[in-house]
């Protein structure tokens, strides 16, 4: 299904749906009930985390430029302090690994769907400080909840990755989280949301890798770890992550961001059979990643017996360094 969605996105296919027609009425009723139960939280506007991180590493080199794109997850909605947002956590971690300052810019928009990425890419590439060297995109949850056709969703994401890569930026996409673990969501919507989320995440992986980007499965953002510790990892609205939840996501994404920039140890770039890493057809790699949180997929060989191949990695998570007390002004 993910392969069909990605192919439909690439070749202009129409609405390959995720829901059967017989369930639409019931699902819509469940969606409205869940929306009434999920509030907008105590912090509707995420704190601005733009600025310079790791200024203790200041030297002759220009700061690395990191840009966040996507929806409320990328923006950090649900927390009160800038240093708790995923952008700040990633900027601080990247600065510590690179031993170089990192300038963060966040153009993500709470509530955004994938069709907003075109506008966000324009903002990212028109940054007065220069085009970003690495971009992190977190998108997809609102596409599922607003029933955007998955082919259209992947088409917009693929186009965004292609434009950013053409501009010289490395791109890491945190794929659609598992929406089947949100507490107010009941069956059968819970099962349908899980299935739709995973299908979209797998299709996003295929589209991203084919454009030269990397993906990290964010199923754990609202997935198994959140299901086990909902009071700790969800924020006050029971929908957006808490500070601990964002830190969990940042720990999953940081190694891939560093690897994309050539900052990760070379020995860890080789597949580790003991961690079930290796080269797979991109569609199979995408399906495995969608079902296992924190899994990375990157382009490997452009052709193979069953189409393009990808490298599937299950990187060891590293503790994200505590972010600077406050970023310096941009």
C-alpha atoms as a PDB file:
ATOM      1  CA  UNK A   1       0.000   0.000   0.000  1.00  0.00           C
ATOM      2  CA  UNK A   2       2.815   2.425   0.842  1.00  0.00           C
ATOM      3  CA  UNK A   3       4.452   1.689  -2.516  1.00  0.00           C
ATOM      4  CA  UNK A   4       1.148   2.377  -4.312  1.00  0.00           C
ATOM      5  CA  UNK A   5       0.666   5.643  -2.401  1.00  0.00           C
ATOM      6  CA  UNK A   6       4.202   6.804  -3.224  1.00  0.00           C
ATOM      7  CA  UNK A   7       3.801   5.812  -6.870  1.00  0.00           C
ATOM      8  CA  UNK A   8       0.491   7.662  -7.053  1.00  0.00           C
ATOM      9  CA  UNK A   9       2.177  10.734  -5.589  1.00  0.00           C
ATOM     10  CA  UNK A  10       5.040  10.552  -8.075  1.00  0.00           C
ATOM     11  CA  UNK A  11       2.905   9.986 -11.161  1.00  0.00           C
ATOM     12  CA  UNK A  12      -0.102  12.093 -10.294  1.00  0.00           C
ATOM     13  CA  UNK A  13      -2.343   9.291  -9.120  1.00  0.00           C
ATOM     14  CA  UNK A  14      -5.609  10.100  -7.453  1.00  0.00           C
ATOM     15  CA  UNK A  15      -7.155   9.214  -4.159  1.00  0.00           C
ATOM     16  CA  UNK A  16      -5.844   5.930  -2.890  1.00  0.00           C
ATOM     17  CA  UNK A  17      -7.928   5.989   0.257  1.00  0.00           C
ATOM     18  CA  UNK A  18      -7.041   4.727   3.692  1.00  0.00           C
ATOM     19  CA  UNK A  19     -10.635   4.241   4.836  1.00  0.00           C
ATOM     20  CA  UNK A  20     -13.417   2.099   3.469  1.00  0.00           C
ATOM     21  CA  UNK A  21     -16.609   3.911   2.498  1.00  0.00           C
ATOM     22  CA  UNK A  22     -18.687   1.867   4.934  1.00  0.00           C
ATOM     23  CA  UNK A  23     -16.730   3.232   7.905  1.00  0.00           C
ATOM     24  CA  UNK A  24     -16.688   6.911   6.978  1.00  0.00           C
ATOM     25  CA  UNK A  25     -19.848   7.888   8.878  1.00  0.00           C
ATOM     26  CA  UNK A  26     -18.767   6.154  12.070  1.00  0.00           C
ATOM     27  CA  UNK A  27     -15.235   7.520  11.815  1.00  0.00           C
ATOM     28  CA  UNK A  28     -16.444  11.086  11.349  1.00  0.00           C
ATOM     29  CA  UNK A  29     -18.582  10.754  14.461  1.00  0.00           C
ATOM     30  CA  UNK A  30     -15.608   9.398  16.411  1.00  0.00           C
ATOM     31  CA  UNK A  31     -13.407  12.234  15.137  1.00  0.00           C
ATOM     32  CA  UNK A  32     -15.847  14.871  16.330  1.00  0.00           C
ATOM     33  CA  UNK A  33     -16.043  13.207  19.756  1.00  0.00           C
ATOM     34  CA  UNK A  34     -12.250  13.090  20.032  1.00  0.00           C
ATOM     35  CA  UNK A  35     -11.973  16.743  19.028  1.00  0.00           C
ATOM     36  CA  UNK A  36     -14.390  17.727  21.795  1.00  0.00           C
ATOM     37  CA  UNK A  37     -12.377  15.726  24.332  1.00  0.00           C
ATOM     38  CA  UNK A  38      -8.964  17.041  23.254  1.00  0.00           C
ATOM     39  CA  UNK A  39      -8.441  20.635  24.316  1.00  0.00           C
ATOM     40  CA  UNK A  40      -5.964  23.045  22.787  1.00  0.00           C
ATOM     41  CA  UNK A  41      -3.777  22.852  25.891  1.00  0.00           C
ATOM     42  CA  UNK A  42      -2.520  25.604  28.129  1.00  0.00           C
ATOM     43  CA  UNK A  43      -0.013  26.966  25.605  1.00  0.00           C
ATOM     44  CA  UNK A  44      -1.704  27.492  22.214  1.00  0.00           C
ATOM     45  CA  UNK A  45       1.289  29.373  20.850  1.00  0.00           C
ATOM     46  CA  UNK A  46       4.584  27.460  21.024  1.00  0.00           C
ATOM     47  CA  UNK A  47       7.526  29.429  22.429  1.00  0.00           C
ATOM     48  CA  UNK A  48       9.971  30.848  19.889  1.00  0.00           C
ATOM     49  CA  UNK A  49      13.285  29.014  20.059  1.00  0.00           C
ATOM     50  CA  UNK A  50      14.988  30.769  17.144  1.00  0.00           C
ATOM     51  CA  UNK A  51      18.532  31.872  17.823  1.00  0.00           C
ATOM     52  CA  UNK A  52      22.089  30.707  18.356  1.00  0.00           C
ATOM     53  CA  UNK A  53      22.898  27.583  20.368  1.00  0.00           C
ATOM     54  CA  UNK A  54      26.259  26.312  21.531  1.00  0.00           C
ATOM     55  CA  UNK A  55      27.778  29.777  21.620  1.00  0.00           C
ATOM     56  CA  UNK A  56      30.465  28.369  23.939  1.00  0.00           C
ATOM     57  CA  UNK A  57      31.900  26.739  20.804  1.00  0.00           C
ATOM     58  CA  UNK A  58      32.151  30.037  18.922  1.00  0.00           C
ATOM     59  CA  UNK A  59      35.220  30.233  16.711  1.00  0.00           C
ATOM     60  CA  UNK A  60      36.269  31.174  13.197  1.00  0.00           C
ATOM     61  CA  UNK A  61      33.694  28.886  11.543  1.00  0.00           C
ATOM     62  CA  UNK A  62      30.225  30.154  10.764  1.00  0.00           C
ATOM     63  CA  UNK A  63      27.432  28.521  12.772  1.00  0.00           C
ATOM     64  CA  UNK A  64      25.678  25.535  11.281  1.00  0.00           C
ATOM     65  CA  UNK A  65      22.213  26.469  10.064  1.00  0.00           C
ATOM     66  CA  UNK A  66      19.348  24.206  11.158  1.00  0.00           C
ATOM     67  CA  UNK A  67      15.747  24.815  10.063  1.00  0.00           C
ATOM     68  CA  UNK A  68      12.645  23.096  11.418  1.00  0.00           C
ATOM     69  CA  UNK A  69       9.605  22.680   9.153  1.00  0.00           C
ATOM     70  CA  UNK A  70       6.251  20.992   9.669  1.00  0.00           C
ATOM     71  CA  UNK A  71       3.334  21.119  12.076  1.00  0.00           C
ATOM     72  CA  UNK A  72       2.788  21.664  15.806  1.00  0.00           C
ATOM     73  CA  UNK A  73       5.173  18.839  16.655  1.00  0.00           C
ATOM     74  CA  UNK A  74       8.032  20.568  14.852  1.00  0.00           C
ATOM     75  CA  UNK A  75       6.998  23.907  16.366  1.00  0.00           C
ATOM     76  CA  UNK A  76       6.977  22.499  19.899  1.00  0.00           C
ATOM     77  CA  UNK A  77       3.376  23.161  20.828  1.00  0.00           C
ATOM     78  CA  UNK A  78       2.501  21.955  24.304  1.00  0.00           C
ATOM     79  CA  UNK A  79       5.561  23.175  26.215  1.00  0.00           C
ATOM     80  CA  UNK A  80       6.180  26.540  27.862  1.00  0.00           C
ATOM     81  CA  UNK A  81       9.926  27.087  27.507  1.00  0.00           C
ATOM     82  CA  UNK A  82      11.910  27.527  24.298  1.00  0.00           C
ATOM     83  CA  UNK A  83      14.580  25.106  25.472  1.00  0.00           C
ATOM     84  CA  UNK A  84      11.972  22.313  25.694  1.00  0.00           C
ATOM     85  CA  UNK A  85      11.029  22.451  22.001  1.00  0.00           C
ATOM     86  CA  UNK A  86      12.416  19.816  19.652  1.00  0.00           C
ATOM     87  CA  UNK A  87      14.206  22.480  17.618  1.00  0.00           C
ATOM     88  CA  UNK A  88      16.099  23.765  20.657  1.00  0.00           C
ATOM     89  CA  UNK A  89      16.933  20.236  21.790  1.00  0.00           C
ATOM     90  CA  UNK A  90      18.246  19.301  18.355  1.00  0.00           C
ATOM     91  CA  UNK A  91      20.204  22.547  17.985  1.00  0.00           C
ATOM     92  CA  UNK A  92      21.861  22.065  21.378  1.00  0.00           C
ATOM     93  CA  UNK A  93      22.645  18.417  20.663  1.00  0.00           C
ATOM     94  CA  UNK A  94      24.019  19.179  17.212  1.00  0.00           C
ATOM     95  CA  UNK A  95      26.216  21.949  18.614  1.00  0.00           C
ATOM     96  CA  UNK A  96      27.642  19.578  21.229  1.00  0.00           C
ATOM     97  CA  UNK A  97      28.426  16.883  18.659  1.00  0.00           C
ATOM     98  CA  UNK A  98      29.855  19.287  16.072  1.00  0.00           C
ATOM     99  CA  UNK A  99      31.542  21.470  18.711  1.00  0.00           C
ATOM    100  CA  UNK A 100      30.300  24.380  16.693  1.00  0.00           C
ATOM    101  CA  UNK A 101      27.474  26.882  17.207  1.00  0.00           C
ATOM    102  CA  UNK A 102      24.134  26.145  15.558  1.00  0.00           C
ATOM    103  CA  UNK A 103      21.711  28.810  14.371  1.00  0.00           C
ATOM    104  CA  UNK A 104      18.140  27.579  14.610  1.00  0.00           C
ATOM    105  CA  UNK A 105      15.229  28.865  12.575  1.00  0.00           C
ATOM    106  CA  UNK A 106      11.764  27.376  12.942  1.00  0.00           C
ATOM    107  CA  UNK A 107       9.183  27.988  10.207  1.00  0.00           C
ATOM    108  CA  UNK A 108       6.812  25.195  11.300  1.00  0.00           C
ATOM    109  CA  UNK A 109       3.143  26.078  11.759  1.00  0.00           C
ATOM    110  CA  UNK A 110       0.813  24.437  14.296  1.00  0.00           C
ATOM    111  CA  UNK A 111      -2.075  22.821  12.454  1.00  0.00           C
ATOM    112  CA  UNK A 112      -0.161  22.660   9.171  1.00  0.00           C
ATOM    113  CA  UNK A 113      -0.779  19.920   6.665  1.00  0.00           C
ATOM    114  CA  UNK A 114       1.706  18.832   4.020  1.00  0.00           C
ATOM    115  CA  UNK A 115       0.356  21.333   1.488  1.00  0.00           C
ATOM    116  CA  UNK A 116       1.793  24.112   3.677  1.00  0.00           C
ATOM    117  CA  UNK A 117       5.331  22.848   3.099  1.00  0.00           C
ATOM    118  CA  UNK A 118       5.651  24.820  -0.139  1.00  0.00           C
ATOM    119  CA  UNK A 119       5.250  28.073   1.799  1.00  0.00           C
ATOM    120  CA  UNK A 120       7.595  26.903   4.530  1.00  0.00           C
ATOM    121  CA  UNK A 121      10.305  25.901   2.059  1.00  0.00           C
ATOM    122  CA  UNK A 122      10.184  29.382   0.532  1.00  0.00           C
ATOM    123  CA  UNK A 123      10.715  30.880   3.991  1.00  0.00           C
ATOM    124  CA  UNK A 124      13.554  28.464   4.732  1.00  0.00           C
ATOM    125  CA  UNK A 125      15.421  29.148   1.500  1.00  0.00           C
ATOM    126  CA  UNK A 126      14.963  32.919   1.740  1.00  0.00           C
ATOM    127  CA  UNK A 127      16.612  33.163   5.155  1.00  0.00           C
ATOM    128  CA  UNK A 128      18.770  36.341   5.273  1.00  0.00           C
ATOM    129  CA  UNK A 129      21.462  34.312   7.083  1.00  0.00           C
ATOM    130  CA  UNK A 130      21.683  31.890   4.171  1.00  0.00           C
ATOM    131  CA  UNK A 131      20.082  28.643   3.088  1.00  0.00           C
ATOM    132  CA  UNK A 132      19.973  25.937   5.775  1.00  0.00           C
ATOM    133  CA  UNK A 133      22.584  23.210   5.861  1.00  0.00           C
ATOM    134  CA  UNK A 134      20.194  20.728   7.412  1.00  0.00           C
ATOM    135  CA  UNK A 135      16.398  20.706   7.663  1.00  0.00           C
ATOM    136  CA  UNK A 136      14.193  18.593   9.907  1.00  0.00           C
ATOM    137  CA  UNK A 137      10.594  18.115   8.804  1.00  0.00           C
ATOM    138  CA  UNK A 138       7.903  16.706  11.093  1.00  0.00           C
ATOM    139  CA  UNK A 139       4.573  16.434   9.312  1.00  0.00           C
ATOM    140  CA  UNK A 140       1.670  14.084   8.669  1.00  0.00           C
ATOM    141  CA  UNK A 141      -0.575  13.906  11.734  1.00  0.00           C
ATOM    142  CA  UNK A 142      -2.929  16.627  10.486  1.00  0.00           C
ATOM    143  CA  UNK A 143      -3.027  14.995   7.050  1.00  0.00           C
ATOM    144  CA  UNK A 144      -4.515  11.893   8.673  1.00  0.00           C
ATOM    145  CA  UNK A 145      -6.963  13.715  10.941  1.00  0.00           C
ATOM    146  CA  UNK A 146      -8.156  15.956   8.076  1.00  0.00           C
ATOM    147  CA  UNK A 147      -8.304  12.995   5.668  1.00  0.00           C
ATOM    148  CA  UNK A 148      -5.961  14.501   3.089  1.00  0.00           C
ATOM    149  CA  UNK A 149      -5.494  11.900   0.316  1.00  0.00           C
ATOM    150  CA  UNK A 150      -2.176  10.200   1.103  1.00  0.00           C
ATOM    151  CA  UNK A 151      -0.968  10.528  -2.489  1.00  0.00           C
ATOM    152  CA  UNK A 152      -1.393  14.293  -2.232  1.00  0.00           C
ATOM    153  CA  UNK A 153       0.305  14.347   1.168  1.00  0.00           C
ATOM    154  CA  UNK A 154       3.361  12.455  -0.089  1.00  0.00           C
ATOM    155  CA  UNK A 155       3.490  14.533  -3.272  1.00  0.00           C
ATOM    156  CA  UNK A 156       3.848  17.746  -1.260  1.00  0.00           C
ATOM    157  CA  UNK A 157       6.458  16.235   1.047  1.00  0.00           C
ATOM    158  CA  UNK A 158       8.498  14.815  -1.831  1.00  0.00           C
ATOM    159  CA  UNK A 159       8.464  18.177  -3.599  1.00  0.00           C
ATOM    160  CA  UNK A 160       9.654  19.926  -0.432  1.00  0.00           C
ATOM    161  CA  UNK A 161      12.504  17.446   0.063  1.00  0.00           C
ATOM    162  CA  UNK A 162      13.516  17.781  -3.588  1.00  0.00           C
ATOM    163  CA  UNK A 163      13.658  21.588  -3.414  1.00  0.00           C
ATOM    164  CA  UNK A 164      15.658  21.587  -0.194  1.00  0.00           C
ATOM    165  CA  UNK A 165      18.093  18.975  -1.491  1.00  0.00           C
ATOM    166  CA  UNK A 166      18.513  20.907  -4.741  1.00  0.00           C
ATOM    167  CA  UNK A 167      19.410  23.949  -2.646  1.00  0.00           C
ATOM    168  CA  UNK A 168      22.144  21.911  -0.961  1.00  0.00           C
ATOM    169  CA  UNK A 169      20.474  21.141   2.372  1.00  0.00           C
ATOM    170  CA  UNK A 170      20.494  17.760   4.060  1.00  0.00           C
ATOM    171  CA  UNK A 171      16.932  16.704   4.919  1.00  0.00           C
ATOM    172  CA  UNK A 172      15.692  14.492   7.749  1.00  0.00           C
ATOM    173  CA  UNK A 173      11.968  13.745   7.928  1.00  0.00           C
ATOM    174  CA  UNK A 174      10.307  12.583  11.126  1.00  0.00           C
ATOM    175  CA  UNK A 175       7.474  10.540   9.665  1.00  0.00           C
ATOM    176  CA  UNK A 176       3.840  10.587  10.748  1.00  0.00           C
ATOM    177  CA  UNK A 177       3.475   9.557  14.407  1.00  0.00           C
ATOM    178  CA  UNK A 178       1.169   6.792  15.563  1.00  0.00           C
ATOM    179  CA  UNK A 179      -2.145   8.538  16.200  1.00  0.00           C
ATOM    180  CA  UNK A 180      -3.708   5.351  17.511  1.00  0.00           C
ATOM    181  CA  UNK A 181      -2.353   6.006  21.004  1.00  0.00           C
ATOM    182  CA  UNK A 182      -4.061   9.337  21.700  1.00  0.00           C
ATOM    183  CA  UNK A 183      -6.064   8.778  24.879  1.00  0.00           C
ATOM    184  CA  UNK A 184      -9.394  10.381  23.826  1.00  0.00           C
ATOM    185  CA  UNK A 185      -9.511   8.357  20.588  1.00  0.00           C
ATOM    186  CA  UNK A 186     -11.737   5.276  20.911  1.00  0.00           C
ATOM    187  CA  UNK A 187     -12.239   2.182  18.801  1.00  0.00           C
ATOM    188  CA  UNK A 188     -12.724   1.719  15.919  1.00  0.00           C
ATOM    189  CA  UNK A 189     -11.103   5.087  15.185  1.00  0.00           C
ATOM    190  CA  UNK A 190      -8.045   4.076  17.231  1.00  0.00           C
ATOM    191  CA  UNK A 191      -7.341   1.082  14.980  1.00  0.00           C
ATOM    192  CA  UNK A 192      -8.033   3.054  11.814  1.00  0.00           C
ATOM    193  CA  UNK A 193      -5.819   5.931  12.974  1.00  0.00           C
ATOM    194  CA  UNK A 194      -2.968   3.516  13.712  1.00  0.00           C
ATOM    195  CA  UNK A 195      -3.281   1.859  10.316  1.00  0.00           C
ATOM    196  CA  UNK A 196      -3.559   5.164   8.461  1.00  0.00           C
ATOM    197  CA  UNK A 197      -0.599   6.636  10.363  1.00  0.00           C
ATOM    198  CA  UNK A 198       1.653   3.698   9.578  1.00  0.00           C
ATOM    199  CA  UNK A 199       0.683   3.595   5.919  1.00  0.00           C
ATOM    200  CA  UNK A 200       1.367   7.294   5.541  1.00  0.00           C
ATOM    201  CA  UNK A 201       4.669   7.023   7.441  1.00  0.00           C
ATOM    202  CA  UNK A 202       5.845   4.231   5.138  1.00  0.00           C
ATOM    203  CA  UNK A 203       4.804   6.162   2.029  1.00  0.00           C
ATOM    204  CA  UNK A 204       6.542   9.295   3.357  1.00  0.00           C
ATOM    205  CA  UNK A 205       9.712   7.242   3.758  1.00  0.00           C
ATOM    206  CA  UNK A 206       9.620   6.034   0.178  1.00  0.00           C
ATOM    207  CA  UNK A 207       8.972   9.535  -1.193  1.00  0.00           C
ATOM    208  CA  UNK A 208      11.676  11.126   0.978  1.00  0.00           C
ATOM    209  CA  UNK A 209      14.388   8.546   0.294  1.00  0.00           C
ATOM    210  CA  UNK A 210      13.749   8.697  -3.439  1.00  0.00           C
ATOM    211  CA  UNK A 211      14.453  12.441  -3.287  1.00  0.00           C
ATOM    212  CA  UNK A 212      17.724  11.984  -1.399  1.00  0.00           C
ATOM    213  CA  UNK A 213      16.520  12.620   2.155  1.00  0.00           C
ATOM    214  CA  UNK A 214      16.539  10.437   5.264  1.00  0.00           C
ATOM    215  CA  UNK A 215      13.662   9.481   7.525  1.00  0.00           C
ATOM    216  CA  UNK A 216      13.274   8.545  11.175  1.00  0.00           C
ATOM    217  CA  UNK A 217      10.158   6.728  12.320  1.00  0.00           C
ATOM    218  CA  UNK A 218       8.385   8.815  14.958  1.00  0.00           C
ATOM    219  CA  UNK A 219       5.935   6.123  15.929  1.00  0.00           C
ATOM    220  CA  UNK A 220       7.354   6.472  19.439  1.00  0.00           C
ATOM    221  CA  UNK A 221       6.389  10.126  19.554  1.00  0.00           C
ATOM    222  CA  UNK A 222       2.792   9.086  20.160  1.00  0.00           C
ATOM    223  CA  UNK A 223       3.466   5.368  20.112  1.00  0.00           C
ATOM    224  CA  UNK A 224       4.471   2.540  22.451  1.00  0.00           C
ATOM    225  CA  UNK A 225       6.472   4.640  24.905  1.00  0.00           C
ATOM    226  CA  UNK A 226       3.650   7.169  25.095  1.00  0.00           C
ATOM    227  CA  UNK A 227       1.038   4.476  25.493  1.00  0.00           C
ATOM    228  CA  UNK A 228       3.005   3.068  28.421  1.00  0.00           C
ATOM    229  CA  UNK A 229       3.581   6.455  30.082  1.00  0.00           C
ATOM    230  CA  UNK A 230       0.781   8.762  28.900  1.00  0.00           C
ATOM    231  CA  UNK A 231       0.790  10.965  32.014  1.00  0.00           C
ATOM    232  CA  UNK A 232       4.527  11.570  31.689  1.00  0.00           C
ATOM    233  CA  UNK A 233       4.984  11.828  27.933  1.00  0.00           C
ATOM    234  CA  UNK A 234       1.805  13.639  26.870  1.00  0.00           C
ATOM    235  CA  UNK A 235       1.270  17.309  27.602  1.00  0.00           C
ATOM    236  CA  UNK A 236      -1.714  18.905  29.384  1.00  0.00           C
ATOM    237  CA  UNK A 237      -3.987  18.540  26.347  1.00  0.00           C
ATOM    238  CA  UNK A 238      -3.427  14.731  26.099  1.00  0.00           C
ATOM    239  CA  UNK A 239      -2.487  15.273  22.459  1.00  0.00           C
ATOM    240  CA  UNK A 240       0.795  17.138  22.117  1.00  0.00           C
ATOM    241  CA  UNK A 241       3.947  15.766  23.746  1.00  0.00           C
ATOM    242  CA  UNK A 242       5.271  17.038  27.042  1.00  0.00           C
ATOM    243  CA  UNK A 243       8.848  18.237  27.507  1.00  0.00           C
ATOM    244  CA  UNK A 244       9.875  14.631  28.233  1.00  0.00           C
ATOM    245  CA  UNK A 245       8.066  13.492  25.111  1.00  0.00           C
ATOM    246  CA  UNK A 246       9.861  15.987  22.892  1.00  0.00           C
ATOM    247  CA  UNK A 247      13.181  14.954  24.424  1.00  0.00           C
ATOM    248  CA  UNK A 248      12.372  11.333  23.526  1.00  0.00           C
ATOM    249  CA  UNK A 249      11.706  12.344  19.916  1.00  0.00           C
ATOM    250  CA  UNK A 250      14.850  14.497  19.754  1.00  0.00           C
ATOM    251  CA  UNK A 251      16.978  11.564  20.958  1.00  0.00           C
ATOM    252  CA  UNK A 252      15.628   9.523  18.049  1.00  0.00           C
ATOM    253  CA  UNK A 253      16.243  12.202  15.411  1.00  0.00           C
ATOM    254  CA  UNK A 254      19.607  13.649  16.545  1.00  0.00           C
ATOM    255  CA  UNK A 255      21.824  10.736  15.415  1.00  0.00           C
ATOM    256  CA  UNK A 256      20.355  10.883  11.924  1.00  0.00           C
ATOM    257  CA  UNK A 257      20.828  14.660  11.715  1.00  0.00           C
ATOM    258  CA  UNK A 258      24.463  14.232  12.741  1.00  0.00           C
ATOM    259  CA  UNK A 259      24.982  11.355  10.304  1.00  0.00           C
ATOM    260  CA  UNK A 260      23.514  13.411   7.460  1.00  0.00           C
ATOM    261  CA  UNK A 261      26.153  16.077   8.149  1.00  0.00           C
ATOM    262  CA  UNK A 262      28.984  13.534   8.406  1.00  0.00           C
ATOM    263  CA  UNK A 263      29.387  14.047  12.158  1.00  0.00           C
ATOM    264  CA  UNK A 264      28.587  10.536  13.391  1.00  0.00           C
ATOM    265  CA  UNK A 265      31.355   7.962  14.018  1.00  0.00           C
ATOM    266  CA  UNK A 266      32.282   6.195  10.794  1.00  0.00           C
ATOM    267  CA  UNK A 267      32.099   2.746  12.393  1.00  0.00           C
ATOM    268  CA  UNK A 268      28.422   3.302  13.171  1.00  0.00           C
ATOM    269  CA  UNK A 269      27.630   3.967   9.515  1.00  0.00           C
ATOM    270  CA  UNK A 270      28.218   0.312   8.636  1.00  0.00           C
ATOM    271  CA  UNK A 271      25.175  -1.975   8.989  1.00  0.00           C
ATOM    272  CA  UNK A 272      25.160  -3.926  12.241  1.00  0.00           C
ATOM    273  CA  UNK A 273      23.648  -7.357  11.700  1.00  0.00           C
ATOM    274  CA  UNK A 274      23.140  -7.797  15.452  1.00  0.00           C
ATOM    275  CA  UNK A 275      20.704  -4.850  15.354  1.00  0.00           C
ATOM    276  CA  UNK A 276      18.995  -6.219  12.222  1.00  0.00           C
ATOM    277  CA  UNK A 277      20.362  -3.434  10.034  1.00  0.00           C
ATOM    278  CA  UNK A 278      21.044  -3.814   6.348  1.00  0.00           C
ATOM    279  CA  UNK A 279      20.193  -3.002   2.751  1.00  0.00           C
ATOM    280  CA  UNK A 280      16.610  -3.603   1.676  1.00  0.00           C
ATOM    281  CA  UNK A 281      14.280  -2.611  -1.161  1.00  0.00           C
ATOM    282  CA  UNK A 282      13.052   0.835  -0.196  1.00  0.00           C
ATOM    283  CA  UNK A 283       9.415  -0.250   0.145  1.00  0.00           C
ATOM    284  CA  UNK A 284      10.322  -3.079   2.521  1.00  0.00           C
ATOM    285  CA  UNK A 285      12.626  -0.803   4.528  1.00  0.00           C
ATOM    286  CA  UNK A 286       9.820   1.758   4.755  1.00  0.00           C
ATOM    287  CA  UNK A 287       7.340  -0.826   6.026  1.00  0.00           C
ATOM    288  CA  UNK A 288       9.764  -2.087   8.686  1.00  0.00           C
ATOM    289  CA  UNK A 289      10.575   1.452   9.816  1.00  0.00           C
ATOM    290  CA  UNK A 290       6.905   2.386  10.116  1.00  0.00           C
ATOM    291  CA  UNK A 291       6.359  -0.479  12.543  1.00  0.00           C
ATOM    292  CA  UNK A 292       9.449   0.160  14.669  1.00  0.00           C
ATOM    293  CA  UNK A 293       9.949   3.585  16.268  1.00  0.00           C
ATOM    294  CA  UNK A 294      13.292   5.332  15.922  1.00  0.00           C
ATOM    295  CA  UNK A 295      14.331   3.451  12.772  1.00  0.00           C
ATOM    296  CA  UNK A 296      16.252   5.393  10.123  1.00  0.00           C
ATOM    297  CA  UNK A 297      16.007   4.843   6.380  1.00  0.00           C
ATOM    298  CA  UNK A 298      18.458   6.426   3.933  1.00  0.00           C
ATOM    299  CA  UNK A 299      19.047   6.035   0.206  1.00  0.00           C
ATOM    300  CA  UNK A 300      21.586   3.376  -0.751  1.00  0.00           C
ATOM    301  CA  UNK A 301      21.506   2.105  -4.343  1.00  0.00           C
ATOM    302  CA  UNK A 302      19.369   3.797  -7.007  1.00  0.00           C
ATOM    303  CA  UNK A 303      18.503   0.499  -8.676  1.00  0.00           C
ATOM    304  CA  UNK A 304      18.134  -3.104  -7.674  1.00  0.00           C
ATOM    305  CA  UNK A 305      16.208  -6.285  -8.457  1.00  0.00           C
ATOM    306  CA  UNK A 306      13.091  -4.729  -6.929  1.00  0.00           C
ATOM    307  CA  UNK A 307      13.675  -1.026  -7.535  1.00  0.00           C
ATOM    308  CA  UNK A 308      15.642   1.424  -5.389  1.00  0.00           C
ATOM    309  CA  UNK A 309      17.335   0.084  -2.266  1.00  0.00           C
ATOM    310  CA  UNK A 310      17.767   1.747   1.094  1.00  0.00           C
ATOM    311  CA  UNK A 311      19.887   1.322   4.205  1.00  0.00           C
ATOM    312  CA  UNK A 312      17.847   0.586   7.319  1.00  0.00           C
ATOM    313  CA  UNK A 313      19.550   1.630  10.573  1.00  0.00           C
ATOM    314  CA  UNK A 314      18.537   1.213  14.187  1.00  0.00           C
ATOM    315  CA  UNK A 315      20.897   3.733  15.695  1.00  0.00           C
ATOM    316  CA  UNK A 316      21.784   3.744  19.346  1.00  0.00           C
ATOM    317  CA  UNK A 317      20.183   6.730  20.951  1.00  0.00           C
ATOM    318  CA  UNK A 318      22.421   9.265  22.619  1.00  0.00           C
ATOM    319  CA  UNK A 319      21.367  11.520  25.427  1.00  0.00           C
ATOM    320  CA  UNK A 320      20.415  14.942  24.109  1.00  0.00           C
ATOM    321  CA  UNK A 321      22.576  17.534  25.912  1.00  0.00           C
ATOM    322  CA  UNK A 322      20.696  20.037  28.021  1.00  0.00           C
ATOM    323  CA  UNK A 323      19.935  23.056  25.876  1.00  0.00           C
ATOM    324  CA  UNK A 324      21.385  26.464  26.605  1.00  0.00           C
ATOM    325  CA  UNK A 325      19.397  28.366  29.234  1.00  0.00           C
ATOM    326  CA  UNK A 326      18.184  30.620  26.433  1.00  0.00           C
ATOM    327  CA  UNK A 327      19.250  31.102  22.828  1.00  0.00           C
ATOM    328  CA  UNK A 328      20.934  34.314  21.862  1.00  0.00           C
ATOM    329  CA  UNK A 329      18.915  36.484  19.535  1.00  0.00           C
ATOM    330  CA  UNK A 330      18.891  35.480  15.901  1.00  0.00           C
END
